[in-house]
Structure formats: structure tokens, C-alpha cells
Amino acid sequence: MRRSAALVVAVVACGGVLSACGSGSTPEREADAVGTAASVGLEESAVRVSFAHDAGYEYFDGTVFVLHDGVTVVGAASAASDITAGDRLRVWTGACAESFPVQCEVEAVEVLDLSP
């Protein structure tokens, strides 16, 4: 009986984690970076976004965010390949390499406005 209860708890916990990852939404915290896509380059398996940060987000000065297929994109664009220079962005990051410019894994991007 004790083994069954532990198994149920583990399955429920894992299910919650997996549903949060695959939900197609942004993390439930403030964005790590807010700014504009200064330029966008399409590669074979990723989109590279040169980021122009807003005031207060100087940590990301000169950063190029690499958006792989698994990165969640929401808002005014439905995919990373829809992002163009001039679009306003909110970006959630994971681990960052302390370099200049900083290099961060991207968790999610919200496109606030599409450029005209």
C-alpha cells in the first residue's frame, strides 16, 4: 500500500511538471529582459535575435538570444520565425553564461508588438 501511494504521488508530481512545460505559456514570474529585436537572423535550426534592451535591463547589453524550436513564443507572433526587427519583446531566460555580452538559454518570448 505504501509503495502504491508513493507511486501515485510521483506520477501526479511529474504530470504537473510536464503540463507546465508543454503549456505554450510564459513562466509565472516577471520577464528577465524587455526590449526590442534590433535584428533577426534565421539559421537552419534557430532564430538569432540581436536584442536592444529597455532601461533597467542593461545586463543584456549586446545580447543575441538564440531561439531554438523548443522555445515558447506567445503574443503577437506564433513562432520564433515570425519575429522581425523592431518587434517589442519580453524574454524569460534560464541559465546565463557570465560573459560580455551575456549568453542565456531562452525559456520563452512574448512578442508585444509587431513592427510596422
PDB file of N, CA and C in Angstrom:
ATOM      1  N   MET A   1       0.822  -1.187   0.000  1.00  0.00           N
ATOM      2  CA  MET A   1       0.000   0.000   0.000  1.00  0.00           C
ATOM      3  C   MET A   1       0.865   1.249   0.000  1.00  0.00           C
ATOM      4  N   ARG A   2       1.904   1.248   0.819  1.00  0.00           N
ATOM      5  CA  ARG A   2       2.775   2.404   0.913  1.00  0.00           C
ATOM      6  C   ARG A   2       3.460   2.654  -0.430  1.00  0.00           C
ATOM      7  N   ARG A   3       3.880   1.581  -1.119  1.00  0.00           N
ATOM      8  CA  ARG A   3       4.523   1.701  -2.427  1.00  0.00           C
ATOM      9  C   ARG A   3       3.554   2.313  -3.436  1.00  0.00           C
ATOM     10  N   SER A   4       2.297   1.924  -3.442  1.00  0.00           N
ATOM     11  CA  SER A   4       1.287   2.455  -4.358  1.00  0.00           C
ATOM     12  C   SER A   4       1.072   3.950  -4.126  1.00  0.00           C
ATOM     13  N   ALA A   5       0.999   4.350  -2.896  1.00  0.00           N
ATOM     14  CA  ALA A   5       0.799   5.761  -2.574  1.00  0.00           C
ATOM     15  C   ALA A   5       1.985   6.592  -3.056  1.00  0.00           C
ATOM     16  N   ALA A   6       3.195   6.092  -2.876  1.00  0.00           N
ATOM     17  CA  ALA A   6       4.384   6.815  -3.335  1.00  0.00           C
ATOM     18  C   ALA A   6       4.386   6.928  -4.852  1.00  0.00           C
ATOM     19  N   LEU A   7       3.958   5.876  -5.544  1.00  0.00           N
ATOM     20  CA  LEU A   7       3.897   5.892  -6.996  1.00  0.00           C
ATOM     21  C   LEU A   7       2.882   6.920  -7.483  1.00  0.00           C
ATOM     22  N   VAL A   8       1.723   6.983  -6.856  1.00  0.00           N
ATOM     23  CA  VAL A   8       0.694   7.964  -7.229  1.00  0.00           C
ATOM     24  C   VAL A   8       1.223   9.377  -7.032  1.00  0.00           C
ATOM     25  N   VAL A   9       1.877   9.640  -5.926  1.00  0.00           N
ATOM     26  CA  VAL A   9       2.441  10.965  -5.665  1.00  0.00           C
ATOM     27  C   VAL A   9       3.472  11.326  -6.736  1.00  0.00           C
ATOM     28  N   ALA A  10       4.336  10.382  -7.108  1.00  0.00           N
ATOM     29  CA  ALA A  10       5.362  10.638  -8.121  1.00  0.00           C
ATOM     30  C   ALA A  10       4.737  10.918  -9.480  1.00  0.00           C
ATOM     31  N   VAL A  11       3.716  10.168  -9.853  1.00  0.00           N
ATOM     32  CA  VAL A  11       3.062  10.375 -11.145  1.00  0.00           C
ATOM     33  C   VAL A  11       2.379  11.733 -11.187  1.00  0.00           C
ATOM     34  N   VAL A  12       1.678  12.098 -10.134  1.00  0.00           N
ATOM     35  CA  VAL A  12       0.998  13.405 -10.085  1.00  0.00           C
ATOM     36  C   VAL A  12       2.017  14.530 -10.153  1.00  0.00           C
ATOM     37  N   ALA A  13       3.111  14.418  -9.414  1.00  0.00           N
ATOM     38  CA  ALA A  13       4.144  15.459  -9.425  1.00  0.00           C
ATOM     39  C   ALA A  13       4.752  15.600 -10.812  1.00  0.00           C
ATOM     40  N   CYS A  14       5.081  14.481 -11.449  1.00  0.00           N
ATOM     41  CA  CYS A  14       5.660  14.538 -12.794  1.00  0.00           C
ATOM     42  C   CYS A  14       4.676  15.099 -13.798  1.00  0.00           C
ATOM     43  N   GLY A  15       3.422  14.744 -13.684  1.00  0.00           N
ATOM     44  CA  GLY A  15       2.404  15.254 -14.597  1.00  0.00           C
ATOM     45  C   GLY A  15       2.284  16.756 -14.502  1.00  0.00           C
ATOM     46  N   GLY A  16       2.351  17.297 -13.297  1.00  0.00           N
ATOM     47  CA  GLY A  16       2.287  18.753 -13.126  1.00  0.00           C
ATOM     48  C   GLY A  16       3.456  19.452 -13.778  1.00  0.00           C
ATOM     49  N   VAL A  17       4.631  18.883 -13.631  1.00  0.00           N
ATOM     50  CA  VAL A  17       5.822  19.471 -14.239  1.00  0.00           C
ATOM     51  C   VAL A  17       5.727  19.429 -15.751  1.00  0.00           C
ATOM     52  N   LEU A  18       5.330  18.299 -16.304  1.00  0.00           N
ATOM     53  CA  LEU A  18       5.245  18.165 -17.753  1.00  0.00           C
ATOM     54  C   LEU A  18       4.172  19.057 -18.342  1.00  0.00           C
ATOM     55  N   SER A  19       3.039  19.203 -17.679  1.00  0.00           N
ATOM     56  CA  SER A  19       1.992  20.054 -18.231  1.00  0.00           C
ATOM     57  C   SER A  19       2.409  21.508 -18.209  1.00  0.00           C
ATOM     58  N   ALA A  20       3.190  21.922 -17.227  1.00  0.00           N
ATOM     59  CA  ALA A  20       3.666  23.305 -17.187  1.00  0.00           C
ATOM     60  C   ALA A  20       4.654  23.570 -18.303  1.00  0.00           C
ATOM     61  N   CYS A  21       5.490  22.584 -18.616  1.00  0.00           N
ATOM     62  CA  CYS A  21       6.480  22.767 -19.666  1.00  0.00           C
ATOM     63  C   CYS A  21       5.856  22.812 -21.047  1.00  0.00           C
ATOM     64  N   GLY A  22       4.807  22.056 -21.266  1.00  0.00           N
ATOM     65  CA  GLY A  22       4.223  21.984 -22.588  1.00  0.00           C
ATOM     66  C   GLY A  22       3.017  22.879 -22.768  1.00  0.00           C
ATOM     67  N   SER A  23       2.797  23.823 -21.879  1.00  0.00           N
ATOM     68  CA  SER A  23       1.562  24.600 -21.900  1.00  0.00           C
ATOM     69  C   SER A  23       1.544  25.691 -22.957  1.00  0.00           C
ATOM     70  N   GLY A  24       2.684  26.051 -23.518  1.00  0.00           N
ATOM     71  CA  GLY A  24       2.688  27.121 -24.506  1.00  0.00           C
ATOM     72  C   GLY A  24       2.468  28.485 -23.891  1.00  0.00           C
ATOM     73  N   SER A  25       2.819  28.636 -22.629  1.00  0.00           N
ATOM     74  CA  SER A  25       2.667  29.922 -21.966  1.00  0.00           C
ATOM     75  C   SER A  25       4.001  30.340 -21.357  1.00  0.00           C
ATOM     76  N   THR A  26       4.050  31.578 -20.917  1.00  0.00           N
ATOM     77  CA  THR A  26       5.268  32.100 -20.317  1.00  0.00           C
ATOM     78  C   THR A  26       5.344  31.684 -18.852  1.00  0.00           C
ATOM     79  N   PRO A  27       6.552  31.684 -18.289  1.00  0.00           N
ATOM     80  CA  PRO A  27       6.699  31.359 -16.861  1.00  0.00           C
ATOM     81  C   PRO A  27       5.914  32.344 -15.987  1.00  0.00           C
ATOM     82  N   GLU A  28       5.527  31.880 -14.815  1.00  0.00           N
ATOM     83  CA  GLU A  28       4.752  32.713 -13.899  1.00  0.00           C
ATOM     84  C   GLU A  28       5.663  33.572 -13.030  1.00  0.00           C
ATOM     85  N   ARG A  29       6.460  34.391 -13.677  1.00  0.00           N
ATOM     86  CA  ARG A  29       7.329  35.358 -12.996  1.00  0.00           C
ATOM     87  C   ARG A  29       7.557  36.512 -13.967  1.00  0.00           C
ATOM     88  N   GLU A  30       8.130  37.572 -13.485  1.00  0.00           N
ATOM     89  CA  GLU A  30       8.431  38.716 -14.357  1.00  0.00           C
ATOM     90  C   GLU A  30       9.436  38.299 -15.425  1.00  0.00           C
ATOM     91  N   ALA A  31       9.335  38.908 -16.589  1.00  0.00           N
ATOM     92  CA  ALA A  31      10.299  38.641 -17.655  1.00  0.00           C
ATOM     93  C   ALA A  31      11.683  39.081 -17.201  1.00  0.00           C
ATOM     94  N   ASP A  32      12.707  38.374 -17.666  1.00  0.00           N
ATOM     95  CA  ASP A  32      14.081  38.714 -17.320  1.00  0.00           C
ATOM     96  C   ASP A  32      14.602  39.881 -18.151  1.00  0.00           C
ATOM     97  N   ALA A  33      14.069  40.041 -19.368  1.00  0.00           N
ATOM     98  CA  ALA A  33      14.535  41.103 -20.273  1.00  0.00           C
ATOM     99  C   ALA A  33      13.359  41.669 -21.043  1.00  0.00           C
ATOM    100  N   VAL A  34      13.367  42.983 -21.218  1.00  0.00           N
ATOM    101  CA  VAL A  34      12.345  43.667 -22.012  1.00  0.00           C
ATOM    102  C   VAL A  34      13.069  44.597 -22.959  1.00  0.00           C
ATOM    103  N   GLY A  35      12.667  44.579 -24.221  1.00  0.00           N
ATOM    104  CA  GLY A  35      13.315  45.441 -25.204  1.00  0.00           C
ATOM    105  C   GLY A  35      12.783  45.193 -26.597  1.00  0.00           C
ATOM    106  N   THR A  36      13.657  45.409 -27.579  1.00  0.00           N
ATOM    107  CA  THR A  36      13.282  45.338 -28.988  1.00  0.00           C
ATOM    108  C   THR A  36      14.223  44.408 -29.738  1.00  0.00           C
ATOM    109  N   ALA A  37      13.671  43.725 -30.721  1.00  0.00           N
ATOM    110  CA  ALA A  37      14.509  42.928 -31.626  1.00  0.00           C
ATOM    111  C   ALA A  37      15.207  43.908 -32.565  1.00  0.00           C
ATOM    112  N   ALA A  38      16.512  44.099 -32.385  1.00  0.00           N
ATOM    113  CA  ALA A  38      17.267  45.039 -33.220  1.00  0.00           C
ATOM    114  C   ALA A  38      17.481  44.463 -34.612  1.00  0.00           C
ATOM    115  N   SER A  39      17.765  43.156 -34.668  1.00  0.00           N
ATOM    116  CA  SER A  39      17.880  42.449 -35.945  1.00  0.00           C
ATOM    117  C   SER A  39      17.572  40.987 -35.694  1.00  0.00           C
ATOM    118  N   VAL A  40      17.177  40.305 -36.758  1.00  0.00           N
ATOM    119  CA  VAL A  40      16.798  38.903 -36.645  1.00  0.00           C
ATOM    120  C   VAL A  40      17.464  38.131 -37.776  1.00  0.00           C
ATOM    121  N   GLY A  41      18.097  37.011 -37.433  1.00  0.00           N
ATOM    122  CA  GLY A  41      18.718  36.144 -38.430  1.00  0.00           C
ATOM    123  C   GLY A  41      18.159  34.743 -38.329  1.00  0.00           C
ATOM    124  N   LEU A  42      17.788  34.195 -39.447  1.00  0.00           N
ATOM    125  CA  LEU A  42      17.268  32.826 -39.480  1.00  0.00           C
ATOM    126  C   LEU A  42      18.399  31.874 -39.805  1.00  0.00           C
ATOM    127  N   GLU A  43      18.525  30.826 -38.998  1.00  0.00           N
ATOM    128  CA  GLU A  43      19.501  29.771 -39.234  1.00  0.00           C
ATOM    129  C   GLU A  43      18.750  28.492 -39.518  1.00  0.00           C
ATOM    130  N   GLU A  44      19.478  27.441 -39.755  1.00  0.00           N
ATOM    131  CA  GLU A  44      18.871  26.149 -40.054  1.00  0.00           C
ATOM    132  C   GLU A  44      17.941  25.665 -38.949  1.00  0.00           C
ATOM    133  N   SER A  45      18.378  25.756 -37.706  1.00  0.00           N
ATOM    134  CA  SER A  45      17.587  25.209 -36.609  1.00  0.00           C
ATOM    135  C   SER A  45      17.251  26.223 -35.521  1.00  0.00           C
ATOM    136  N   ALA A  46      17.472  27.509 -35.784  1.00  0.00           N
ATOM    137  CA  ALA A  46      17.219  28.512 -34.757  1.00  0.00           C
ATOM    138  C   ALA A  46      17.032  29.895 -35.375  1.00  0.00           C
ATOM    139  N   VAL A  47      16.491  30.791 -34.555  1.00  0.00           N
ATOM    140  CA  VAL A  47      16.367  32.196 -34.911  1.00  0.00           C
ATOM    141  C   VAL A  47      17.262  32.967 -33.946  1.00  0.00           C
ATOM    142  N   ARG A  48      18.116  33.829 -34.484  1.00  0.00           N
ATOM    143  CA  ARG A  48      19.025  34.635 -33.655  1.00  0.00           C
ATOM    144  C   ARG A  48      18.485  36.064 -33.600  1.00  0.00           C
ATOM    145  N   VAL A  49      18.191  36.536 -32.392  1.00  0.00           N
ATOM    146  CA  VAL A  49      17.625  37.865 -32.193  1.00  0.00           C
ATOM    147  C   VAL A  49      18.641  38.745 -31.473  1.00  0.00           C
ATOM    148  N   SER A  50      19.163  39.761 -32.175  1.00  0.00           N
ATOM    149  CA  SER A  50      20.010  40.774 -31.524  1.00  0.00           C
ATOM    150  C   SER A  50      19.073  41.658 -30.725  1.00  0.00           C
ATOM    151  N   PHE A  51      19.351  41.782 -29.442  1.00  0.00           N
ATOM    152  CA  PHE A  51      18.419  42.401 -28.506  1.00  0.00           C
ATOM    153  C   PHE A  51      18.873  43.792 -28.103  1.00  0.00           C
ATOM    154  N   ALA A  52      17.973  44.764 -28.236  1.00  0.00           N
ATOM    155  CA  ALA A  52      18.206  46.130 -27.745  1.00  0.00           C
ATOM    156  C   ALA A  52      17.345  46.299 -26.496  1.00  0.00           C
ATOM    157  N   HIS A  53      17.979  46.318 -25.333  1.00  0.00           N
ATOM    158  CA  HIS A  53      17.266  46.322 -24.057  1.00  0.00           C
ATOM    159  C   HIS A  53      16.639  47.671 -23.740  1.00  0.00           C
ATOM    160  N   ASP A  54      15.576  47.643 -22.952  1.00  0.00           N
ATOM    161  CA  ASP A  54      14.981  48.852 -22.385  1.00  0.00           C
ATOM    162  C   ASP A  54      15.804  49.268 -21.163  1.00  0.00           C
ATOM    163  N   ALA A  55      15.566  50.489 -20.680  1.00  0.00           N
ATOM    164  CA  ALA A  55      16.219  50.968 -19.461  1.00  0.00           C
ATOM    165  C   ALA A  55      15.881  50.016 -18.317  1.00  0.00           C
ATOM    166  N   GLY A  56      16.884  49.673 -17.538  1.00  0.00           N
ATOM    167  CA  GLY A  56      16.722  48.761 -16.416  1.00  0.00           C
ATOM    168  C   GLY A  56      17.125  47.327 -16.742  1.00  0.00           C
ATOM    169  N   TYR A  57      17.397  47.068 -17.998  1.00  0.00           N
ATOM    170  CA  TYR A  57      17.784  45.719 -18.416  1.00  0.00           C
ATOM    171  C   TYR A  57      19.165  45.735 -19.067  1.00  0.00           C
ATOM    172  N   GLU A  58      20.051  46.566 -18.567  1.00  0.00           N
ATOM    173  CA  GLU A  58      21.392  46.728 -19.131  1.00  0.00           C
ATOM    174  C   GLU A  58      22.232  45.465 -19.063  1.00  0.00           C
ATOM    175  N   TYR A  59      21.868  44.549 -18.195  1.00  0.00           N
ATOM    176  CA  TYR A  59      22.568  43.266 -18.095  1.00  0.00           C
ATOM    177  C   TYR A  59      22.625  42.580 -19.457  1.00  0.00           C
ATOM    178  N   PHE A  60      21.626  42.833 -20.299  1.00  0.00           N
ATOM    179  CA  PHE A  60      21.514  42.177 -21.606  1.00  0.00           C
ATOM    180  C   PHE A  60      22.090  43.012 -22.743  1.00  0.00           C
ATOM    181  N   ASP A  61      22.926  43.992 -22.423  1.00  0.00           N
ATOM    182  CA  ASP A  61      23.551  44.843 -23.442  1.00  0.00           C
ATOM    183  C   ASP A  61      24.357  43.989 -24.423  1.00  0.00           C
ATOM    184  N   GLY A  62      24.015  44.067 -25.702  1.00  0.00           N
ATOM    185  CA  GLY A  62      24.731  43.332 -26.734  1.00  0.00           C
ATOM    186  C   GLY A  62      24.349  41.869 -26.887  1.00  0.00           C
ATOM    187  N   THR A  63      23.365  41.413 -26.133  1.00  0.00           N
ATOM    188  CA  THR A  63      22.990  40.003 -26.167  1.00  0.00           C
ATOM    189  C   THR A  63      22.298  39.622 -27.474  1.00  0.00           C
ATOM    190  N   VAL A  64      22.606  38.428 -27.930  1.00  0.00           N
ATOM    191  CA  VAL A  64      21.896  37.801 -29.039  1.00  0.00           C
ATOM    192  C   VAL A  64      21.205  36.577 -28.463  1.00  0.00           C
ATOM    193  N   PHE A  65      19.869  36.593 -28.480  1.00  0.00           N
ATOM    194  CA  PHE A  65      19.113  35.445 -27.985  1.00  0.00           C
ATOM    195  C   PHE A  65      18.955  34.443 -29.127  1.00  0.00           C
ATOM    196  N   VAL A  66      19.251  33.174 -28.843  1.00  0.00           N
ATOM    197  CA  VAL A  66      19.096  32.103 -29.826  1.00  0.00           C
ATOM    198  C   VAL A  66      17.822  31.347 -29.468  1.00  0.00           C
ATOM    199  N   LEU A  67      16.858  31.385 -30.382  1.00  0.00           N
ATOM    200  CA  LEU A  67      15.559  30.763 -30.149  1.00  0.00           C
ATOM    201  C   LEU A  67      15.475  29.459 -30.944  1.00  0.00           C
ATOM    202  N   HIS A  68      15.647  28.346 -30.238  1.00  0.00           N
ATOM    203  CA  HIS A  68      15.551  27.020 -30.853  1.00  0.00           C
ATOM    204  C   HIS A  68      14.081  26.630 -30.964  1.00  0.00           C
ATOM    205  N   ASP A  69      13.812  25.545 -31.631  1.00  0.00           N
ATOM    206  CA  ASP A  69      12.438  25.079 -31.856  1.00  0.00           C
ATOM    207  C   ASP A  69      11.638  24.904 -30.567  1.00  0.00           C
ATOM    208  N   GLY A  70      12.271  24.518 -29.480  1.00  0.00           N
ATOM    209  CA  GLY A  70      11.563  24.259 -28.234  1.00  0.00           C
ATOM    210  C   GLY A  70      11.188  25.484 -27.429  1.00  0.00           C
ATOM    211  N   VAL A  71      11.610  26.681 -27.847  1.00  0.00           N
ATOM    212  CA  VAL A  71      11.324  27.901 -27.097  1.00  0.00           C
ATOM    213  C   VAL A  71       9.867  28.311 -27.326  1.00  0.00           C
ATOM    214  N   THR A  72       9.165  28.578 -26.245  1.00  0.00           N
ATOM    215  CA  THR A  72       7.776  29.023 -26.324  1.00  0.00           C
ATOM    216  C   THR A  72       7.735  30.459 -26.833  1.00  0.00           C
ATOM    217  N   VAL A  73       6.900  30.715 -27.849  1.00  0.00           N
ATOM    218  CA  VAL A  73       6.683  32.064 -28.373  1.00  0.00           C
ATOM    219  C   VAL A  73       5.187  32.334 -28.307  1.00  0.00           C
ATOM    220  N   VAL A  74       4.816  33.430 -27.639  1.00  0.00           N
ATOM    221  CA  VAL A  74       3.405  33.797 -27.495  1.00  0.00           C
ATOM    222  C   VAL A  74       3.228  35.263 -27.843  1.00  0.00           C
ATOM    223  N   GLY A  75       1.982  35.689 -27.881  1.00  0.00           N
ATOM    224  CA  GLY A  75       1.683  37.095 -28.138  1.00  0.00           C
ATOM    225  C   GLY A  75       1.381  37.350 -29.599  1.00  0.00           C
ATOM    226  N   ALA A  76       1.932  38.439 -30.133  1.00  0.00           N
ATOM    227  CA  ALA A  76       1.638  38.881 -31.489  1.00  0.00           C
ATOM    228  C   ALA A  76       2.272  37.998 -32.560  1.00  0.00           C
ATOM    229  N   ALA A  77       3.176  37.127 -32.202  1.00  0.00           N
ATOM    230  CA  ALA A  77       3.790  36.176 -33.146  1.00  0.00           C
ATOM    231  C   ALA A  77       3.552  34.768 -32.607  1.00  0.00           C
ATOM    232  N   SER A  78       3.374  33.819 -33.500  1.00  0.00           N
ATOM    233  CA  SER A  78       3.099  32.455 -33.060  1.00  0.00           C
ATOM    234  C   SER A  78       4.318  31.544 -33.125  1.00  0.00           C
ATOM    235  N   ALA A  79       5.410  32.035 -33.731  1.00  0.00           N
ATOM    236  CA  ALA A  79       6.639  31.239 -33.845  1.00  0.00           C
ATOM    237  C   ALA A  79       7.831  32.181 -33.859  1.00  0.00           C
ATOM    238  N   ALA A  80       8.986  31.655 -33.481  1.00  0.00           N
ATOM    239  CA  ALA A  80      10.210  32.469 -33.476  1.00  0.00           C
ATOM    240  C   ALA A  80      10.507  33.027 -34.861  1.00  0.00           C
ATOM    241  N   SER A  81      10.193  32.266 -35.896  1.00  0.00           N
ATOM    242  CA  SER A  81      10.470  32.720 -37.270  1.00  0.00           C
ATOM    243  C   SER A  81       9.586  33.890 -37.693  1.00  0.00           C
ATOM    244  N   ASP A  82       8.534  34.192 -36.918  1.00  0.00           N
ATOM    245  CA  ASP A  82       7.664  35.342 -37.211  1.00  0.00           C
ATOM    246  C   ASP A  82       8.209  36.645 -36.639  1.00  0.00           C
ATOM    247  N   ILE A  83       9.216  36.576 -35.774  1.00  0.00           N
ATOM    248  CA  ILE A  83       9.781  37.779 -35.153  1.00  0.00           C
ATOM    249  C   ILE A  83      10.610  38.531 -36.183  1.00  0.00           C
ATOM    250  N   THR A  84      10.434  39.856 -36.236  1.00  0.00           N
ATOM    251  CA  THR A  84      11.201  40.694 -37.152  1.00  0.00           C
ATOM    252  C   THR A  84      11.809  41.861 -36.389  1.00  0.00           C
ATOM    253  N   ALA A  85      12.795  42.499 -37.007  1.00  0.00           N
ATOM    254  CA  ALA A  85      13.449  43.662 -36.397  1.00  0.00           C
ATOM    255  C   ALA A  85      12.387  44.719 -36.091  1.00  0.00           C
ATOM    256  N   GLY A  86      12.476  45.283 -34.900  1.00  0.00           N
ATOM    257  CA  GLY A  86      11.537  46.304 -34.459  1.00  0.00           C
ATOM    258  C   GLY A  86      10.443  45.785 -33.551  1.00  0.00           C
ATOM    259  N   ASP A  87      10.265  44.466 -33.480  1.00  0.00           N
ATOM    260  CA  ASP A  87       9.242  43.892 -32.607  1.00  0.00           C
ATOM    261  C   ASP A  87       9.631  44.116 -31.149  1.00  0.00           C
ATOM    262  N   ARG A  88       8.640  44.423 -30.304  1.00  0.00           N
ATOM    263  CA  ARG A  88       8.849  44.582 -28.865  1.00  0.00           C
ATOM    264  C   ARG A  88       8.730  43.206 -28.206  1.00  0.00           C
ATOM    265  N   LEU A  89       9.675  42.900 -27.302  1.00  0.00           N
ATOM    266  CA  LEU A  89       9.765  41.564 -26.717  1.00  0.00           C
ATOM    267  C   LEU A  89       9.888  41.591 -25.203  1.00  0.00           C
ATOM    268  N   ARG A  90       9.330  40.566 -24.600  1.00  0.00           N
ATOM    269  CA  ARG A  90       9.626  40.213 -23.206  1.00  0.00           C
ATOM    270  C   ARG A  90      10.240  38.828 -23.281  1.00  0.00           C
ATOM    271  N   VAL A  91      11.373  38.631 -22.588  1.00  0.00           N
ATOM    272  CA  VAL A  91      12.121  37.377 -22.698  1.00  0.00           C
ATOM    273  C   VAL A  91      12.352  36.787 -21.306  1.00  0.00           C
ATOM    274  N   TRP A  92      12.090  35.485 -21.199  1.00  0.00           N
ATOM    275  CA  TRP A  92      12.386  34.733 -19.978  1.00  0.00           C
ATOM    276  C   TRP A  92      13.584  33.855 -20.264  1.00  0.00           C
ATOM    277  N   THR A  93      14.579  33.913 -19.390  1.00  0.00           N
ATOM    278  CA  THR A  93      15.798  33.151 -19.607  1.00  0.00           C
ATOM    279  C   THR A  93      15.997  32.102 -18.516  1.00  0.00           C
ATOM    280  N   GLY A  94      16.826  31.129 -18.864  1.00  0.00           N
ATOM    281  CA  GLY A  94      17.270  30.135 -17.898  1.00  0.00           C
ATOM    282  C   GLY A  94      18.688  30.483 -17.501  1.00  0.00           C
ATOM    283  N   ALA A  95      19.570  29.516 -17.572  1.00  0.00           N
ATOM    284  CA  ALA A  95      20.969  29.717 -17.196  1.00  0.00           C
ATOM    285  C   ALA A  95      21.644  30.711 -18.141  1.00  0.00           C
ATOM    286  N   CYS A  96      22.495  31.571 -17.570  1.00  0.00           N
ATOM    287  CA  CYS A  96      23.235  32.561 -18.357  1.00  0.00           C
ATOM    288  C   CYS A  96      24.734  32.396 -18.113  1.00  0.00           C
ATOM    289  N   ALA A  97      25.508  32.496 -19.181  1.00  0.00           N
ATOM    290  CA  ALA A  97      26.970  32.487 -19.069  1.00  0.00           C
ATOM    291  C   ALA A  97      27.412  33.916 -18.790  1.00  0.00           C
ATOM    292  N   GLU A  98      28.130  34.113 -17.722  1.00  0.00           N
ATOM    293  CA  GLU A  98      28.584  35.443 -17.333  1.00  0.00           C
ATOM    294  C   GLU A  98      29.731  35.879 -18.229  1.00  0.00           C
ATOM    295  N   SER A  99      29.390  36.381 -19.374  1.00  0.00           N
ATOM    296  CA  SER A  99      30.367  36.851 -20.348  1.00  0.00           C
ATOM    297  C   SER A  99      29.884  38.201 -20.850  1.00  0.00           C
ATOM    298  N   PHE A 100      30.613  38.813 -21.738  1.00  0.00           N
ATOM    299  CA  PHE A 100      30.115  40.024 -22.388  1.00  0.00           C
ATOM    300  C   PHE A 100      30.168  39.828 -23.883  1.00  0.00           C
ATOM    301  N   PRO A 101      29.022  39.895 -24.533  1.00  0.00           N
ATOM    302  CA  PRO A 101      27.707  40.028 -23.894  1.00  0.00           C
ATOM    303  C   PRO A 101      27.283  38.726 -23.230  1.00  0.00           C
ATOM    304  N   VAL A 102      26.346  38.866 -22.291  1.00  0.00           N
ATOM    305  CA  VAL A 102      25.843  37.694 -21.585  1.00  0.00           C
ATOM    306  C   VAL A 102      25.165  36.767 -22.586  1.00  0.00           C
ATOM    307  N   GLN A 103      25.307  35.462 -22.354  1.00  0.00           N
ATOM    308  CA  GLN A 103      24.693  34.448 -23.219  1.00  0.00           C
ATOM    309  C   GLN A 103      23.753  33.614 -22.357  1.00  0.00           C
ATOM    310  N   CYS A 104      22.472  33.637 -22.708  1.00  0.00           N
ATOM    311  CA  CYS A 104      21.463  32.972 -21.894  1.00  0.00           C
ATOM    312  C   CYS A 104      20.647  31.973 -22.694  1.00  0.00           C
ATOM    313  N   GLU A 105      20.261  30.903 -22.031  1.00  0.00           N
ATOM    314  CA  GLU A 105      19.287  29.979 -22.603  1.00  0.00           C
ATOM    315  C   GLU A 105      17.929  30.676 -22.525  1.00  0.00           C
ATOM    316  N   VAL A 106      17.146  30.602 -23.588  1.00  0.00           N
ATOM    317  CA  VAL A 106      15.843  31.252 -23.619  1.00  0.00           C
ATOM    318  C   VAL A 106      14.763  30.227 -23.312  1.00  0.00           C
ATOM    319  N   GLU A 107      13.905  30.555 -22.344  1.00  0.00           N
ATOM    320  CA  GLU A 107      12.775  29.708 -21.992  1.00  0.00           C
ATOM    321  C   GLU A 107      11.541  30.081 -22.799  1.00  0.00           C
ATOM    322  N   ALA A 108      11.254  31.389 -22.878  1.00  0.00           N
ATOM    323  CA  ALA A 108      10.036  31.844 -23.551  1.00  0.00           C
ATOM    324  C   ALA A 108      10.203  33.287 -23.999  1.00  0.00           C
ATOM    325  N   VAL A 109       9.435  33.646 -25.030  1.00  0.00           N
ATOM    326  CA  VAL A 109       9.419  35.007 -25.557  1.00  0.00           C
ATOM    327  C   VAL A 109       7.965  35.411 -25.768  1.00  0.00           C
ATOM    328  N   GLU A 110       7.623  36.597 -25.319  1.00  0.00           N
ATOM    329  CA  GLU A 110       6.329  37.181 -25.640  1.00  0.00           C
ATOM    330  C   GLU A 110       6.574  38.341 -26.578  1.00  0.00           C
ATOM    331  N   VAL A 111       5.938  38.294 -27.742  1.00  0.00           N
ATOM    332  CA  VAL A 111       6.052  39.381 -28.709  1.00  0.00           C
ATOM    333  C   VAL A 111       4.897  40.329 -28.393  1.00  0.00           C
ATOM    334  N   LEU A 112       5.259  41.549 -27.933  1.00  0.00           N
ATOM    335  CA  LEU A 112       4.257  42.515 -27.512  1.00  0.00           C
ATOM    336  C   LEU A 112       3.639  43.250 -28.695  1.00  0.00           C
ATOM    337  N   ASP A 113       4.471  43.696 -29.615  1.00  0.00           N
ATOM    338  CA  ASP A 113       4.013  44.421 -30.797  1.00  0.00           C
ATOM    339  C   ASP A 113       4.828  43.947 -31.977  1.00  0.00           C
ATOM    340  N   LEU A 114       4.181  43.837 -33.109  1.00  0.00           N
ATOM    341  CA  LEU A 114       4.903  43.572 -34.345  1.00  0.00           C
ATOM    342  C   LEU A 114       5.307  44.914 -34.945  1.00  0.00           C
ATOM    343  N   SER A 115       6.491  44.977 -35.512  1.00  0.00           N
ATOM    344  CA  SER A 115       6.927  46.224 -36.147  1.00  0.00           C
ATOM    345  C   SER A 115       6.067  46.474 -37.381  1.00  0.00           C
ATOM    346  N   PRO A 116       5.899  47.761 -37.730  1.00  0.00           N
ATOM    347  CA  PRO A 116       5.063  48.086 -38.900  1.00  0.00           C
ATOM    348  C   PRO A 116       5.665  47.602 -40.200  1.00  0.00           C
TER     349      PRO A 116
END
